[in-house]
Amino acid sequence: MIPLIIMDNRDAKKEVELLFEFVRDLYGDRLTDEELEEVRNGVEHIAETAAALRSIKLENSVEPFSVFKPHRKEA
C-alpha cells in the first residue's frame, strides 16, 4: 500500500520519511547503507519537486502545453 502523501509544506519531512520508509520496507534488505542514503536523497528531491508542482494553482480550463511539429516526408 502506498503511504498517504501529506500536502502541507510544514510536513514535508514527514512526507519524505513516509516515502523513504515505504521504499526501505520493500527493498531495504537488498540495498547497502550507502545505497539507502542515495535513495533518501532521491526521495527528498522528488518530494521537493512534487511540492513545487502542487503549489501551482491551475484552473480546470488550462490546457496542457503542446508543440506542433509537422512531419515532412523525405523526398
Protein backbone atom coordinates (compact mmCIF):
# COMPACT_ATOMS: atom_id res chain seq x y z
CA MET A 1 0.00 0.00 0.00
CA ILE A 2 1.33 3.47 -0.92
CA PRO A 3 1.56 5.82 2.09
CA LEU A 4 -0.66 8.89 2.27
CA ILE A 5 1.21 11.92 0.93
CA ILE A 6 0.84 14.91 3.21
CA MET A 7 0.06 18.07 1.23
CA ASP A 8 1.11 20.66 3.84
CA ASN A 9 4.61 22.09 3.25
CA ARG A 10 5.24 22.14 7.01
CA ASP A 11 5.05 18.38 6.95
CA ALA A 12 7.50 17.89 4.07
CA LYS A 13 9.92 15.98 6.31
CA LYS A 14 7.12 13.63 7.36
CA GLU A 15 6.28 13.04 3.72
CA VAL A 16 9.92 12.22 2.93
CA GLU A 17 10.12 9.88 5.91
CA LEU A 18 6.90 8.07 4.96
CA LEU A 19 8.01 7.61 1.36
CA PHE A 20 11.52 6.54 2.35
CA GLU A 21 10.20 4.03 4.91
CA PHE A 22 7.92 2.61 2.21
CA VAL A 23 10.87 2.10 -0.16
CA ARG A 24 13.10 0.76 2.63
CA ASP A 25 10.44 -1.74 3.68
CA LEU A 26 10.20 -3.03 0.11
CA TYR A 27 13.88 -3.01 -0.91
CA GLY A 28 15.98 -2.32 2.19
CA ASP A 29 17.16 -5.90 2.56
CA ARG A 30 18.74 -5.68 -0.91
CA LEU A 31 20.46 -2.29 -0.52
CA THR A 32 23.59 -1.19 1.32
CA ASP A 33 23.58 1.74 3.74
CA GLU A 34 25.21 3.89 1.05
CA GLU A 35 22.54 2.95 -1.49
CA LEU A 36 19.79 3.66 1.04
CA GLU A 37 21.25 7.13 1.59
CA GLU A 38 21.16 7.72 -2.17
CA VAL A 39 17.52 6.59 -2.19
CA ARG A 40 16.74 9.01 0.66
CA ASN A 41 18.34 11.86 -1.30
CA GLY A 42 16.30 10.90 -4.35
CA VAL A 43 13.09 10.78 -2.32
CA GLU A 44 13.86 14.24 -0.88
CA HIS A 45 14.39 15.63 -4.39
CA ILE A 46 11.15 14.05 -5.66
CA ALA A 47 9.21 15.40 -2.65
CA GLU A 48 10.60 18.92 -3.25
CA THR A 49 9.66 18.74 -6.92
CA ALA A 50 6.18 17.45 -6.08
CA ALA A 51 5.67 20.27 -3.56
CA ALA A 52 6.67 22.82 -6.19
CA LEU A 53 4.22 21.32 -8.67
CA ARG A 54 1.42 21.21 -6.07
CA SER A 55 1.97 24.90 -5.30
CA ILE A 56 0.95 25.91 -8.84
CA LYS A 57 -2.76 26.56 -8.97
CA LEU A 58 -4.39 25.77 -12.30
CA GLU A 59 -7.97 26.20 -13.35
CA ASN A 60 -9.69 23.28 -14.99
CA SER A 61 -9.80 25.26 -18.24
CA VAL A 62 -5.98 25.43 -18.52
CA GLU A 63 -4.91 23.05 -21.28
CA PRO A 64 -1.58 21.22 -21.44
CA PHE A 65 1.13 22.92 -23.46
CA SER A 66 1.89 21.13 -26.67
CA VAL A 67 4.23 21.82 -29.58
CA PHE A 68 3.09 21.03 -33.10
CA LYS A 69 5.93 19.66 -35.22
CA PRO A 70 4.74 18.64 -38.69
CA HIS A 71 6.41 15.58 -40.14
CA ARG A 72 7.95 16.15 -43.54
CA LYS A 73 8.41 13.16 -45.72
CA GLU A 74 11.89 12.82 -47.14
CA ALA A 75 11.96 13.31 -50.92
